[in-house]
PDB file of N, CA and C in Angstrom:
ATOM      1  N   MET A   1       0.840  -1.171   0.000  1.00  0.00           N
ATOM      2  CA  MET A   1       0.000   0.000   0.000  1.00  0.00           C
ATOM      3  C   MET A   1       0.887   1.237   0.000  1.00  0.00           C
ATOM      4  N   PRO A   2       0.622   2.179  -0.880  1.00  0.00           N
ATOM      5  CA  PRO A   2       1.409   3.413  -0.883  1.00  0.00           C
ATOM      6  C   PRO A   2       1.322   4.135   0.460  1.00  0.00           C
ATOM      7  N   ASN A   3       2.356   4.857   0.788  1.00  0.00           N
ATOM      8  CA  ASN A   3       2.386   5.619   2.038  1.00  0.00           C
ATOM      9  C   ASN A   3       1.573   6.895   1.869  1.00  0.00           C
ATOM     10  N   ILE A   4       0.347   6.886   2.358  1.00  0.00           N
ATOM     11  CA  ILE A   4      -0.513   8.062   2.178  1.00  0.00           C
ATOM     12  C   ILE A   4      -0.175   9.174   3.162  1.00  0.00           C
ATOM     13  N   ASN A   5       0.651   8.887   4.163  1.00  0.00           N
ATOM     14  CA  ASN A   5       1.003   9.918   5.137  1.00  0.00           C
ATOM     15  C   ASN A   5       1.847  11.028   4.527  1.00  0.00           C
ATOM     16  N   GLN A   6       2.345  10.830   3.314  1.00  0.00           N
ATOM     17  CA  GLN A   6       3.107  11.866   2.621  1.00  0.00           C
ATOM     18  C   GLN A   6       2.178  12.871   1.945  1.00  0.00           C
ATOM     19  N   LEU A   7       0.881  12.580   1.928  1.00  0.00           N
ATOM     20  CA  LEU A   7      -0.098  13.453   1.265  1.00  0.00           C
ATOM     21  C   LEU A   7      -0.606  14.526   2.217  1.00  0.00           C
ATOM     22  N   GLU A   8      -1.309  15.492   1.661  1.00  0.00           N
ATOM     23  CA  GLU A   8      -1.910  16.543   2.468  1.00  0.00           C
ATOM     24  C   GLU A   8      -2.859  15.929   3.500  1.00  0.00           C
ATOM     25  N   PRO A   9      -2.852  16.423   4.743  1.00  0.00           N
ATOM     26  CA  PRO A   9      -3.703  15.843   5.791  1.00  0.00           C
ATOM     27  C   PRO A   9      -5.193  15.799   5.440  1.00  0.00           C
ATOM     28  N   THR A  10      -5.692  16.808   4.742  1.00  0.00           N
ATOM     29  CA  THR A  10      -7.108  16.808   4.361  1.00  0.00           C
ATOM     30  C   THR A  10      -7.407  15.673   3.391  1.00  0.00           C
ATOM     31  N   LEU A  11      -6.496  15.433   2.455  1.00  0.00           N
ATOM     32  CA  LEU A  11      -6.681  14.337   1.500  1.00  0.00           C
ATOM     33  C   LEU A  11      -6.603  12.991   2.210  1.00  0.00           C
ATOM     34  N   VAL A  12      -5.664  12.846   3.136  1.00  0.00           N
ATOM     35  CA  VAL A  12      -5.552  11.600   3.908  1.00  0.00           C
ATOM     36  C   VAL A  12      -6.854  11.337   4.655  1.00  0.00           C
ATOM     37  N   LYS A  13      -7.429  12.373   5.259  1.00  0.00           N
ATOM     38  CA  LYS A  13      -8.700  12.221   5.970  1.00  0.00           C
ATOM     39  C   LYS A  13      -9.801  11.781   5.014  1.00  0.00           C
ATOM     40  N   ASN A  14      -9.874  12.384   3.835  1.00  0.00           N
ATOM     41  CA  ASN A  14     -10.893  12.003   2.850  1.00  0.00           C
ATOM     42  C   ASN A  14     -10.734  10.538   2.426  1.00  0.00           C
ATOM     43  N   ILE A  15      -9.497  10.127   2.214  1.00  0.00           N
ATOM     44  CA  ILE A  15      -9.236   8.737   1.827  1.00  0.00           C
ATOM     45  C   ILE A  15      -9.669   7.796   2.947  1.00  0.00           C
ATOM     46  N   MET A  16      -9.204   8.065   4.157  1.00  0.00           N
ATOM     47  CA  MET A  16      -9.509   7.176   5.277  1.00  0.00           C
ATOM     48  C   MET A  16     -11.011   7.145   5.582  1.00  0.00           C
ATOM     49  N   ASP A  17     -11.684   8.272   5.422  1.00  0.00           N
ATOM     50  CA  ASP A  17     -13.136   8.319   5.661  1.00  0.00           C
ATOM     51  C   ASP A  17     -13.913   7.534   4.608  1.00  0.00           C
ATOM     52  N   SER A  18     -13.326   7.340   3.427  1.00  0.00           N
ATOM     53  CA  SER A  18     -14.032   6.636   2.346  1.00  0.00           C
ATOM     54  C   SER A  18     -13.845   5.123   2.400  1.00  0.00           C
ATOM     55  N   TRP A  19     -12.923   4.659   3.233  1.00  0.00           N
ATOM     56  CA  TRP A  19     -12.619   3.232   3.314  1.00  0.00           C
ATOM     57  C   TRP A  19     -13.041   2.650   4.635  1.00  0.00           C
ATOM     58  N   PRO A  20     -13.490   1.405   4.704  1.00  0.00           N
ATOM     59  CA  PRO A  20     -13.783   0.598   3.530  1.00  0.00           C
ATOM     60  C   PRO A  20     -14.985   1.150   2.785  1.00  0.00           C
ATOM     61  N   GLY A  21     -14.968   0.953   1.489  1.00  0.00           N
ATOM     62  CA  GLY A  21     -16.062   1.465   0.680  1.00  0.00           C
ATOM     63  C   GLY A  21     -15.885   1.174  -0.790  1.00  0.00           C
ATOM     64  N   HIS A  22     -16.737   1.785  -1.543  1.00  0.00           N
ATOM     65  CA  HIS A  22     -16.816   1.576  -2.989  1.00  0.00           C
ATOM     66  C   HIS A  22     -16.061   2.691  -3.716  1.00  0.00           C
ATOM     67  N   ILE A  23     -14.976   3.149  -3.096  1.00  0.00           N
ATOM     68  CA  ILE A  23     -14.191   4.282  -3.599  1.00  0.00           C
ATOM     69  C   ILE A  23     -12.761   3.822  -3.876  1.00  0.00           C
ATOM     70  N   THR A  24     -12.259   4.155  -5.050  1.00  0.00           N
ATOM     71  CA  THR A  24     -10.874   3.886  -5.433  1.00  0.00           C
ATOM     72  C   THR A  24     -10.143   5.222  -5.504  1.00  0.00           C
ATOM     73  N   TRP A  25      -8.934   5.261  -4.975  1.00  0.00           N
ATOM     74  CA  TRP A  25      -8.092   6.458  -5.033  1.00  0.00           C
ATOM     75  C   TRP A  25      -6.855   6.153  -5.875  1.00  0.00           C
ATOM     76  N   VAL A  26      -6.504   7.070  -6.750  1.00  0.00           N
ATOM     77  CA  VAL A  26      -5.279   6.966  -7.535  1.00  0.00           C
ATOM     78  C   VAL A  26      -4.188   7.669  -6.724  1.00  0.00           C
ATOM     79  N   LEU A  27      -3.238   6.875  -6.226  1.00  0.00           N
ATOM     80  CA  LEU A  27      -2.229   7.359  -5.283  1.00  0.00           C
ATOM     81  C   LEU A  27      -0.833   7.250  -5.876  1.00  0.00           C
ATOM     82  N   PRO A  28       0.119   7.995  -5.312  1.00  0.00           N
ATOM     83  CA  PRO A  28       1.503   7.878  -5.790  1.00  0.00           C
ATOM     84  C   PRO A  28       2.005   6.454  -5.575  1.00  0.00           C
ATOM     85  N   ASN A  29       2.673   5.910  -6.569  1.00  0.00           N
ATOM     86  CA  ASN A  29       3.220   4.570  -6.456  1.00  0.00           C
ATOM     87  C   ASN A  29       4.559   4.636  -5.736  1.00  0.00           C
ATOM     88  N   THR A  30       4.589   4.072  -4.534  1.00  0.00           N
ATOM     89  CA  THR A  30       5.838   4.039  -3.778  1.00  0.00           C
ATOM     90  C   THR A  30       6.331   2.615  -3.550  1.00  0.00           C
ATOM     91  N   ASP A  31       5.504   1.612  -3.895  1.00  0.00           N
ATOM     92  CA  ASP A  31       5.834   0.247  -3.518  1.00  0.00           C
ATOM     93  C   ASP A  31       5.753  -0.792  -4.636  1.00  0.00           C
ATOM     94  N   PHE A  32       5.057  -0.515  -5.708  1.00  0.00           N
ATOM     95  CA  PHE A  32       4.737  -1.560  -6.673  1.00  0.00           C
ATOM     96  C   PHE A  32       5.585  -1.464  -7.933  1.00  0.00           C
ATOM     97  N   SER A  33       5.944  -2.625  -8.474  1.00  0.00           N
ATOM     98  CA  SER A  33       6.766  -2.680  -9.675  1.00  0.00           C
ATOM     99  C   SER A  33       5.942  -2.277 -10.894  1.00  0.00           C
ATOM    100  N   GLU A  34       6.635  -2.061 -12.002  1.00  0.00           N
ATOM    101  CA  GLU A  34       5.929  -1.693 -13.227  1.00  0.00           C
ATOM    102  C   GLU A  34       5.090  -2.843 -13.765  1.00  0.00           C
ATOM    103  N   LEU A  35       5.296  -4.055 -13.263  1.00  0.00           N
ATOM    104  CA  LEU A  35       4.410  -5.155 -13.631  1.00  0.00           C
ATOM    105  C   LEU A  35       2.987  -4.891 -13.134  1.00  0.00           C
ATOM    106  N   VAL A  36       2.884  -4.162 -12.039  1.00  0.00           N
ATOM    107  CA  VAL A  36       1.579  -3.808 -11.469  1.00  0.00           C
ATOM    108  C   VAL A  36       1.064  -2.516 -12.085  1.00  0.00           C
ATOM    109  N   THR A  37       1.922  -1.534 -12.250  1.00  0.00           N
ATOM    110  CA  THR A  37       1.483  -0.195 -12.644  1.00  0.00           C
ATOM    111  C   THR A  37       1.571   0.082 -14.139  1.00  0.00           C
ATOM    112  N   GLY A  38       2.202  -0.812 -14.879  1.00  0.00           N
ATOM    113  CA  GLY A  38       2.420  -0.541 -16.290  1.00  0.00           C
ATOM    114  C   GLY A  38       3.381   0.614 -16.495  1.00  0.00           C
ATOM    115  N   GLY A  39       4.243   0.856 -15.499  1.00  0.00           N
ATOM    116  CA  GLY A  39       5.220   1.936 -15.587  1.00  0.00           C
ATOM    117  C   GLY A  39       4.688   3.281 -15.123  1.00  0.00           C
ATOM    118  N   ARG A  40       3.455   3.328 -14.674  1.00  0.00           N
ATOM    119  CA  ARG A  40       2.882   4.598 -14.196  1.00  0.00           C
ATOM    120  C   ARG A  40       3.477   4.971 -12.838  1.00  0.00           C
ATOM    121  N   THR A  41       3.393   6.237 -12.514  1.00  0.00           N
ATOM    122  CA  THR A  41       3.870   6.718 -11.211  1.00  0.00           C
ATOM    123  C   THR A  41       2.766   6.664 -10.164  1.00  0.00           C
ATOM    124  N   THR A  42       1.609   6.160 -10.556  1.00  0.00           N
ATOM    125  CA  THR A  42       0.476   6.062  -9.640  1.00  0.00           C
ATOM    126  C   THR A  42      -0.061   4.631  -9.630  1.00  0.00           C
ATOM    127  N   VAL A  43      -0.862   4.350  -8.613  1.00  0.00           N
ATOM    128  CA  VAL A  43      -1.515   3.052  -8.494  1.00  0.00           C
ATOM    129  C   VAL A  43      -2.901   3.278  -7.891  1.00  0.00           C
ATOM    130  N   ALA A  44      -3.892   2.571  -8.415  1.00  0.00           N
ATOM    131  CA  ALA A  44      -5.259   2.701  -7.912  1.00  0.00           C
ATOM    132  C   ALA A  44      -5.435   1.769  -6.719  1.00  0.00           C
ATOM    133  N   CYS A  45      -5.955   2.306  -5.608  1.00  0.00           N
ATOM    134  CA  CYS A  45      -6.092   1.542  -4.371  1.00  0.00           C
ATOM    135  C   CYS A  45      -7.500   1.673  -3.810  1.00  0.00           C
ATOM    136  N   ARG A  46      -7.966   0.561  -3.245  1.00  0.00           N
ATOM    137  CA  ARG A  46      -9.284   0.554  -2.593  1.00  0.00           C
ATOM    138  C   ARG A  46      -9.255  -0.429  -1.440  1.00  0.00           C
ATOM    139  N   VAL A  47      -9.935  -0.080  -0.354  1.00  0.00           N
ATOM    140  CA  VAL A  47     -10.230  -1.018   0.718  1.00  0.00           C
ATOM    141  C   VAL A  47     -11.713  -1.298   0.586  1.00  0.00           C
ATOM    142  N   PRO A  48     -12.068  -2.474   0.078  1.00  0.00           N
ATOM    143  CA  PRO A  48     -13.462  -2.724  -0.266  1.00  0.00           C
ATOM    144  C   PRO A  48     -14.375  -2.882   0.941  1.00  0.00           C
ATOM    145  N   ASP A  49     -15.611  -2.486   0.735  1.00  0.00           N
ATOM    146  CA  ASP A  49     -16.662  -2.688   1.730  1.00  0.00           C
ATOM    147  C   ASP A  49     -17.305  -4.044   1.425  1.00  0.00           C
ATOM    148  N   HIS A  50     -16.482  -5.070   1.473  1.00  0.00           N
ATOM    149  CA  HIS A  50     -16.907  -6.419   1.091  1.00  0.00           C
ATOM    150  C   HIS A  50     -16.161  -7.388   2.005  1.00  0.00           C
ATOM    151  N   ASP A  51     -16.897  -8.006   2.910  1.00  0.00           N
ATOM    152  CA  ASP A  51     -16.277  -8.846   3.933  1.00  0.00           C
ATOM    153  C   ASP A  51     -15.390  -9.937   3.347  1.00  0.00           C
ATOM    154  N   GLN A  52     -15.847 -10.597   2.286  1.00  0.00           N
ATOM    155  CA  GLN A  52     -15.073 -11.701   1.713  1.00  0.00           C
ATOM    156  C   GLN A  52     -13.737 -11.196   1.145  1.00  0.00           C
ATOM    157  N   ALA A  53     -13.753 -10.062   0.462  1.00  0.00           N
ATOM    158  CA  ALA A  53     -12.518  -9.519  -0.107  1.00  0.00           C
ATOM    159  C   ALA A  53     -11.535  -9.119   0.994  1.00  0.00           C
ATOM    160  N   ARG A  54     -12.030  -8.458   2.046  1.00  0.00           N
ATOM    161  CA  ARG A  54     -11.144  -8.062   3.141  1.00  0.00           C
ATOM    162  C   ARG A  54     -10.613  -9.278   3.889  1.00  0.00           C
ATOM    163  N   SER A  55     -11.446 -10.304   4.054  1.00  0.00           N
ATOM    164  CA  SER A  55     -11.014 -11.538   4.709  1.00  0.00           C
ATOM    165  C   SER A  55      -9.912 -12.217   3.896  1.00  0.00           C
ATOM    166  N   LEU A  56     -10.063 -12.222   2.574  1.00  0.00           N
ATOM    167  CA  LEU A  56      -9.045 -12.810   1.712  1.00  0.00           C
ATOM    168  C   LEU A  56      -7.714 -12.072   1.871  1.00  0.00           C
ATOM    169  N   CYS A  57      -7.755 -10.742   1.917  1.00  0.00           N
ATOM    170  CA  CYS A  57      -6.532  -9.951   2.133  1.00  0.00           C
ATOM    171  C   CYS A  57      -5.909 -10.270   3.491  1.00  0.00           C
ATOM    172  N   ASP A  58      -6.759 -10.383   4.520  1.00  0.00           N
ATOM    173  CA  ASP A  58      -6.250 -10.719   5.855  1.00  0.00           C
ATOM    174  C   ASP A  58      -5.548 -12.081   5.843  1.00  0.00           C
ATOM    175  N   LYS A  59      -6.172 -13.062   5.204  1.00  0.00           N
ATOM    176  CA  LYS A  59      -5.590 -14.405   5.155  1.00  0.00           C
ATOM    177  C   LYS A  59      -4.306 -14.417   4.335  1.00  0.00           C
ATOM    178  N   PHE A  60      -4.263 -13.617   3.289  1.00  0.00           N
ATOM    179  CA  PHE A  60      -3.070 -13.511   2.445  1.00  0.00           C
ATOM    180  C   PHE A  60      -1.963 -12.749   3.171  1.00  0.00           C
ATOM    181  N   GLY A  61      -2.362 -11.790   3.995  1.00  0.00           N
ATOM    182  CA  GLY A  61      -1.396 -11.008   4.754  1.00  0.00           C
ATOM    183  C   GLY A  61      -0.985  -9.717   4.083  1.00  0.00           C
ATOM    184  N   GLY A  62      -1.789  -9.244   3.144  1.00  0.00           N
ATOM    185  CA  GLY A  62      -1.462  -7.993   2.469  1.00  0.00           C
ATOM    186  C   GLY A  62      -2.465  -7.681   1.389  1.00  0.00           C
ATOM    187  N   PRO A  63      -2.164  -6.670   0.595  1.00  0.00           N
ATOM    188  CA  PRO A  63      -3.095  -6.287  -0.465  1.00  0.00           C
ATOM    189  C   PRO A  63      -3.114  -7.312  -1.595  1.00  0.00           C
ATOM    190  N   ILE A  64      -4.223  -7.375  -2.255  1.00  0.00           N
ATOM    191  CA  ILE A  64      -4.362  -8.223  -3.432  1.00  0.00           C
ATOM    192  C   ILE A  64      -4.437  -7.307  -4.640  1.00  0.00           C
ATOM    193  N   ILE A  65      -3.644  -7.608  -5.626  1.00  0.00           N
ATOM    194  CA  ILE A  65      -3.614  -6.815  -6.838  1.00  0.00           C
ATOM    195  C   ILE A  65      -4.528  -7.477  -7.848  1.00  0.00           C
ATOM    196  N   SER A  66      -5.477  -6.704  -8.337  1.00  0.00           N
ATOM    197  CA  SER A  66      -6.412  -7.283  -9.299  1.00  0.00           C
ATOM    198  C   SER A  66      -6.925  -6.195 -10.227  1.00  0.00           C
ATOM    199  N   THR A  67      -7.668  -6.631 -11.178  1.00  0.00           N
ATOM    200  CA  THR A  67      -8.350  -5.724 -12.072  1.00  0.00           C
ATOM    201  C   THR A  67      -9.845  -5.871 -11.826  1.00  0.00           C
ATOM    202  N   SER A  68     -10.612  -5.035 -12.442  1.00  0.00           N
ATOM    203  CA  SER A  68     -12.049  -5.146 -12.334  1.00  0.00           C
ATOM    204  C   SER A  68     -12.508  -6.421 -13.015  1.00  0.00           C
ATOM    205  N   LEU A  69     -13.615  -6.939 -12.564  1.00  0.00           N
ATOM    206  CA  LEU A  69     -14.179  -8.116 -13.217  1.00  0.00           C
ATOM    207  C   LEU A  69     -14.931  -7.728 -14.483  1.00  0.00           C
ATOM    208  N   ASN A  70     -15.208  -6.461 -14.641  1.00  0.00           N
ATOM    209  CA  ASN A  70     -15.945  -6.010 -15.822  1.00  0.00           C
ATOM    210  C   ASN A  70     -14.980  -5.754 -16.969  1.00  0.00           C
ATOM    211  N   ARG A  71     -15.337  -6.204 -18.140  1.00  0.00           N
ATOM    212  CA  ARG A  71     -14.575  -5.829 -19.331  1.00  0.00           C
ATOM    213  C   ARG A  71     -14.968  -4.402 -19.694  1.00  0.00           C
ATOM    214  N   SER A  72     -14.016  -3.648 -20.141  1.00  0.00           N
ATOM    215  CA  SER A  72     -14.261  -2.252 -20.484  1.00  0.00           C
ATOM    216  C   SER A  72     -15.429  -2.119 -21.458  1.00  0.00           C
ATOM    217  N   GLY A  73     -16.390  -1.294 -21.095  1.00  0.00           N
ATOM    218  CA  GLY A  73     -17.536  -1.023 -21.955  1.00  0.00           C
ATOM    219  C   GLY A  73     -18.623  -2.080 -21.908  1.00  0.00           C
ATOM    220  N   GLN A  74     -18.409  -3.145 -21.140  1.00  0.00           N
ATOM    221  CA  GLN A  74     -19.389  -4.222 -21.050  1.00  0.00           C
ATOM    222  C   GLN A  74     -20.199  -4.104 -19.762  1.00  0.00           C
ATOM    223  N   ALA A  75     -21.338  -4.769 -19.748  1.00  0.00           N
ATOM    224  CA  ALA A  75     -22.166  -4.801 -18.540  1.00  0.00           C
ATOM    225  C   ALA A  75     -21.407  -5.496 -17.415  1.00  0.00           C
ATOM    226  N   PRO A  76     -21.642  -5.080 -16.169  1.00  0.00           N
ATOM    227  CA  PRO A  76     -20.954  -5.715 -15.048  1.00  0.00           C
ATOM    228  C   PRO A  76     -21.322  -7.191 -14.905  1.00  0.00           C
ATOM    229  N   VAL A  77     -20.348  -7.966 -14.484  1.00  0.00           N
ATOM    230  CA  VAL A  77     -20.569  -9.370 -14.147  1.00  0.00           C
ATOM    231  C   VAL A  77     -21.029  -9.382 -12.694  1.00  0.00           C
ATOM    232  N   ILE A  78     -22.194  -9.975 -12.436  1.00  0.00           N
ATOM    233  CA  ILE A  78     -22.751  -9.870 -11.087  1.00  0.00           C
ATOM    234  C   ILE A  78     -23.013 -11.205 -10.405  1.00  0.00           C
ATOM    235  N   SER A  79     -22.530 -12.291 -10.981  1.00  0.00           N
ATOM    236  CA  SER A  79     -22.705 -13.581 -10.321  1.00  0.00           C
ATOM    237  C   SER A  79     -21.513 -14.479 -10.622  1.00  0.00           C
ATOM    238  N   TYR A  80     -21.345 -15.474  -9.775  1.00  0.00           N
ATOM    239  CA  TYR A  80     -20.288 -16.461  -9.977  1.00  0.00           C
ATOM    240  C   TYR A  80     -20.475 -17.159 -11.323  1.00  0.00           C
ATOM    241  N   GLU A  81     -21.717 -17.484 -11.641  1.00  0.00           N
ATOM    242  CA  GLU A  81     -22.002 -18.190 -12.895  1.00  0.00           C
ATOM    243  C   GLU A  81     -21.592 -17.348 -14.108  1.00  0.00           C
ATOM    244  N   GLU A  82     -21.904 -16.061 -14.072  1.00  0.00           N
ATOM    245  CA  GLU A  82     -21.499 -15.170 -15.172  1.00  0.00           C
ATOM    246  C   GLU A  82     -19.977 -15.078 -15.254  1.00  0.00           C
ATOM    247  N   ALA A  83     -19.324 -14.976 -14.096  1.00  0.00           N
ATOM    248  CA  ALA A  83     -17.861 -14.884 -14.067  1.00  0.00           C
ATOM    249  C   ALA A  83     -17.235 -16.150 -14.660  1.00  0.00           C
ATOM    250  N   ALA A  84     -17.766 -17.297 -14.279  1.00  0.00           N
ATOM    251  CA  ALA A  84     -17.239 -18.562 -14.793  1.00  0.00           C
ATOM    252  C   ALA A  84     -17.436 -18.662 -16.299  1.00  0.00           C
ATOM    253  N   ALA A  85     -18.613 -18.262 -16.767  1.00  0.00           N
ATOM    254  CA  ALA A  85     -18.885 -18.330 -18.207  1.00  0.00           C
ATOM    255  C   ALA A  85     -17.973 -17.391 -18.993  1.00  0.00           C
ATOM    256  N   GLU A  86     -17.702 -16.224 -18.438  1.00  0.00           N
ATOM    257  CA  GLU A  86     -16.926 -15.197 -19.138  1.00  0.00           C
ATOM    258  C   GLU A  86     -15.416 -15.412 -19.043  1.00  0.00           C
ATOM    259  N   PHE A  87     -14.927 -15.893 -17.899  1.00  0.00           N
ATOM    260  CA  PHE A  87     -13.490 -15.864 -17.643  1.00  0.00           C
ATOM    261  C   PHE A  87     -12.830 -17.203 -17.348  1.00  0.00           C
ATOM    262  N   SER A  88     -13.569 -18.303 -17.286  1.00  0.00           N
ATOM    263  CA  SER A  88     -12.983 -19.569 -16.825  1.00  0.00           C
ATOM    264  C   SER A  88     -11.822 -20.054 -17.689  1.00  0.00           C
ATOM    265  N   GLU A  89     -11.767 -19.674 -18.940  1.00  0.00           N
ATOM    266  CA  GLU A  89     -10.648 -20.097 -19.789  1.00  0.00           C
ATOM    267  C   GLU A  89      -9.453 -19.148 -19.701  1.00  0.00           C
ATOM    268  N   GLU A  90      -9.614 -18.028 -18.974  1.00  0.00           N
ATOM    269  CA  GLU A  90      -8.552 -17.030 -18.885  1.00  0.00           C
ATOM    270  C   GLU A  90      -7.868 -16.969 -17.527  1.00  0.00           C
ATOM    271  N   VAL A  91      -8.497 -17.520 -16.496  1.00  0.00           N
ATOM    272  CA  VAL A  91      -7.927 -17.471 -15.151  1.00  0.00           C
ATOM    273  C   VAL A  91      -7.904 -18.875 -14.557  1.00  0.00           C
ATOM    274  N   GLU A  92      -7.057 -19.054 -13.553  1.00  0.00           N
ATOM    275  CA  GLU A  92      -6.930 -20.370 -12.938  1.00  0.00           C
ATOM    276  C   GLU A  92      -8.020 -20.657 -11.919  1.00  0.00           C
ATOM    277  N   PHE A  93      -8.539 -19.625 -11.264  1.00  0.00           N
ATOM    278  CA  PHE A  93      -9.501 -19.845 -10.196  1.00  0.00           C
ATOM    279  C   PHE A  93     -10.446 -18.657 -10.088  1.00  0.00           C
ATOM    280  N   ILE A  94     -11.704 -18.941  -9.858  1.00  0.00           N
ATOM    281  CA  ILE A  94     -12.708 -17.908  -9.598  1.00  0.00           C
ATOM    282  C   ILE A  94     -13.272 -18.192  -8.215  1.00  0.00           C
ATOM    283  N   LEU A  95     -13.110 -17.247  -7.311  1.00  0.00           N
ATOM    284  CA  LEU A  95     -13.561 -17.415  -5.934  1.00  0.00           C
ATOM    285  C   LEU A  95     -15.074 -17.290  -5.861  1.00  0.00           C
ATOM    286  N   PRO A  96     -15.764 -18.342  -5.433  1.00  0.00           N
ATOM    287  CA  PRO A  96     -17.220 -18.222  -5.275  1.00  0.00           C
ATOM    288  C   PRO A  96     -17.538 -17.197  -4.191  1.00  0.00           C
ATOM    289  N   GLY A  97     -18.618 -16.487  -4.376  1.00  0.00           N
ATOM    290  CA  GLY A  97     -19.027 -15.512  -3.372  1.00  0.00           C
ATOM    291  C   GLY A  97     -20.124 -14.622  -3.914  1.00  0.00           C
ATOM    292  N   GLN A  98     -20.395 -13.582  -3.176  1.00  0.00           N
ATOM    293  CA  GLN A  98     -21.447 -12.639  -3.529  1.00  0.00           C
ATOM    294  C   GLN A  98     -20.830 -11.288  -3.870  1.00  0.00           C
ATOM    295  N   ILE A  99     -21.531 -10.528  -4.702  1.00  0.00           N
ATOM    296  CA  ILE A  99     -21.084  -9.160  -4.961  1.00  0.00           C
ATOM    297  C   ILE A  99     -21.426  -8.304  -3.750  1.00  0.00           C
ATOM    298  N   SER A 100     -20.871  -7.122  -3.705  1.00  0.00           N
ATOM    299  CA  SER A 100     -21.041  -6.266  -2.534  1.00  0.00           C
ATOM    300  C   SER A 100     -22.440  -5.684  -2.410  1.00  0.00           C
ATOM    301  N   GLY A 101     -23.186  -5.662  -3.481  1.00  0.00           N
ATOM    302  CA  GLY A 101     -24.526  -5.100  -3.432  1.00  0.00           C
ATOM    303  C   GLY A 101     -24.630  -3.720  -4.037  1.00  0.00           C
ATOM    304  N   TYR A 102     -23.486  -3.121  -4.398  1.00  0.00           N
ATOM    305  CA  TYR A 102     -23.523  -1.815  -5.040  1.00  0.00           C
ATOM    306  C   TYR A 102     -24.005  -1.957  -6.469  1.00  0.00           C
ATOM    307  N   ASP A 103     -24.659  -0.938  -6.942  1.00  0.00           N
ATOM    308  CA  ASP A 103     -25.136  -0.900  -8.314  1.00  0.00           C
ATOM    309  C   ASP A 103     -24.245   0.056  -9.101  1.00  0.00           C
ATOM    310  N   GLY A 104     -23.563  -0.425 -10.105  1.00  0.00           N
ATOM    311  CA  GLY A 104     -22.740   0.446 -10.928  1.00  0.00           C
ATOM    312  C   GLY A 104     -21.277   0.393 -10.546  1.00  0.00           C
ATOM    313  N   PRO A 105     -20.451   1.087 -11.325  1.00  0.00           N
ATOM    314  CA  PRO A 105     -19.009   1.060 -11.088  1.00  0.00           C
ATOM    315  C   PRO A 105     -18.629   1.855  -9.847  1.00  0.00           C
ATOM    316  N   SER A 106     -17.456   1.538  -9.306  1.00  0.00           N
ATOM    317  CA  SER A 106     -16.960   2.299  -8.161  1.00  0.00           C
ATOM    318  C   SER A 106     -16.547   3.692  -8.619  1.00  0.00           C
ATOM    319  N   ALA A 107     -16.521   4.603  -7.671  1.00  0.00           N
ATOM    320  CA  ALA A 107     -16.029   5.952  -7.940  1.00  0.00           C
ATOM    321  C   ALA A 107     -14.510   5.932  -7.855  1.00  0.00           C
ATOM    322  N   ILE A 108     -13.859   6.682  -8.723  1.00  0.00           N
ATOM    323  CA  ILE A 108     -12.399   6.784  -8.720  1.00  0.00           C
ATOM    324  C   ILE A 108     -12.031   8.251  -8.552  1.00  0.00           C
ATOM    325  N   TYR A 109     -11.146   8.522  -7.582  1.00  0.00           N
ATOM    326  CA  TYR A 109     -10.723   9.886  -7.280  1.00  0.00           C
ATOM    327  C   TYR A 109      -9.220  10.029  -7.448  1.00  0.00           C
ATOM    328  N   GLY A 110      -8.805  11.217  -7.884  1.00  0.00           N
ATOM    329  CA  GLY A 110      -7.398  11.525  -8.045  1.00  0.00           C
ATOM    330  C   GLY A 110      -6.841  12.229  -6.823  1.00  0.00           C
ATOM    331  N   LEU A 111      -5.562  12.537  -6.873  1.00  0.00           N
ATOM    332  CA  LEU A 111      -4.883  13.168  -5.741  1.00  0.00           C
ATOM    333  C   LEU A 111      -5.398  14.555  -5.420  1.00  0.00           C
ATOM    334  N   ASP A 112      -6.040  15.181  -6.375  1.00  0.00           N
ATOM    335  CA  ASP A 112      -6.603  16.503  -6.109  1.00  0.00           C
ATOM    336  C   ASP A 112      -7.991  16.402  -5.483  1.00  0.00           C
ATOM    337  N   GLY A 113      -8.463  15.167  -5.259  1.00  0.00           N
ATOM    338  CA  GLY A 113      -9.780  14.945  -4.666  1.00  0.00           C
ATOM    339  C   GLY A 113     -10.913  14.990  -5.668  1.00  0.00           C
ATOM    340  N   ALA A 114     -10.593  15.236  -6.944  1.00  0.00           N
ATOM    341  CA  ALA A 114     -11.618  15.308  -7.981  1.00  0.00           C
ATOM    342  C   ALA A 114     -11.971  13.907  -8.469  1.00  0.00           C
ATOM    343  N   ARG A 115     -13.244  13.706  -8.733  1.00  0.00           N
ATOM    344  CA  ARG A 115     -13.698  12.414  -9.226  1.00  0.00           C
ATOM    345  C   ARG A 115     -13.241  12.254 -10.678  1.00  0.00           C
ATOM    346  N   LEU A 116     -12.582  11.123 -10.947  1.00  0.00           N
ATOM    347  CA  LEU A 116     -12.105  10.820 -12.289  1.00  0.00           C
ATOM    348  C   LEU A 116     -13.124  10.008 -13.072  1.00  0.00           C
ATOM    349  N   ARG A 117     -13.907   9.225 -12.347  1.00  0.00           N
ATOM    350  CA  ARG A 117     -14.928   8.396 -12.980  1.00  0.00           C
ATOM    351  C   ARG A 117     -15.960   8.012 -11.962  1.00  0.00           C
TER     352      ARG A 117
END
């Protein structure tokens, strides 16, 4: 996880107040290789409001790096069955579980606090 304590205190408060939640923040990359960031100086981070996802991170002992389950421009995948049908030939394992219950994509915010998406 990037060191957010280097950011402005007001921004740190906004980030911490939004987590856990359906909010992603684009933060300075201080820890991740270009395999994760694609060479960018930033990395998108979220602490999900989803018990299963947080439990998985706890059991793993750190953050999990992933992408969205939705293909760009496509309708969201909202069930295990849809995920298996769409991605089973592309990934080794699909974790059974439930979605968080949110409708629509997560909000993404930049370092200036402005919503990017």
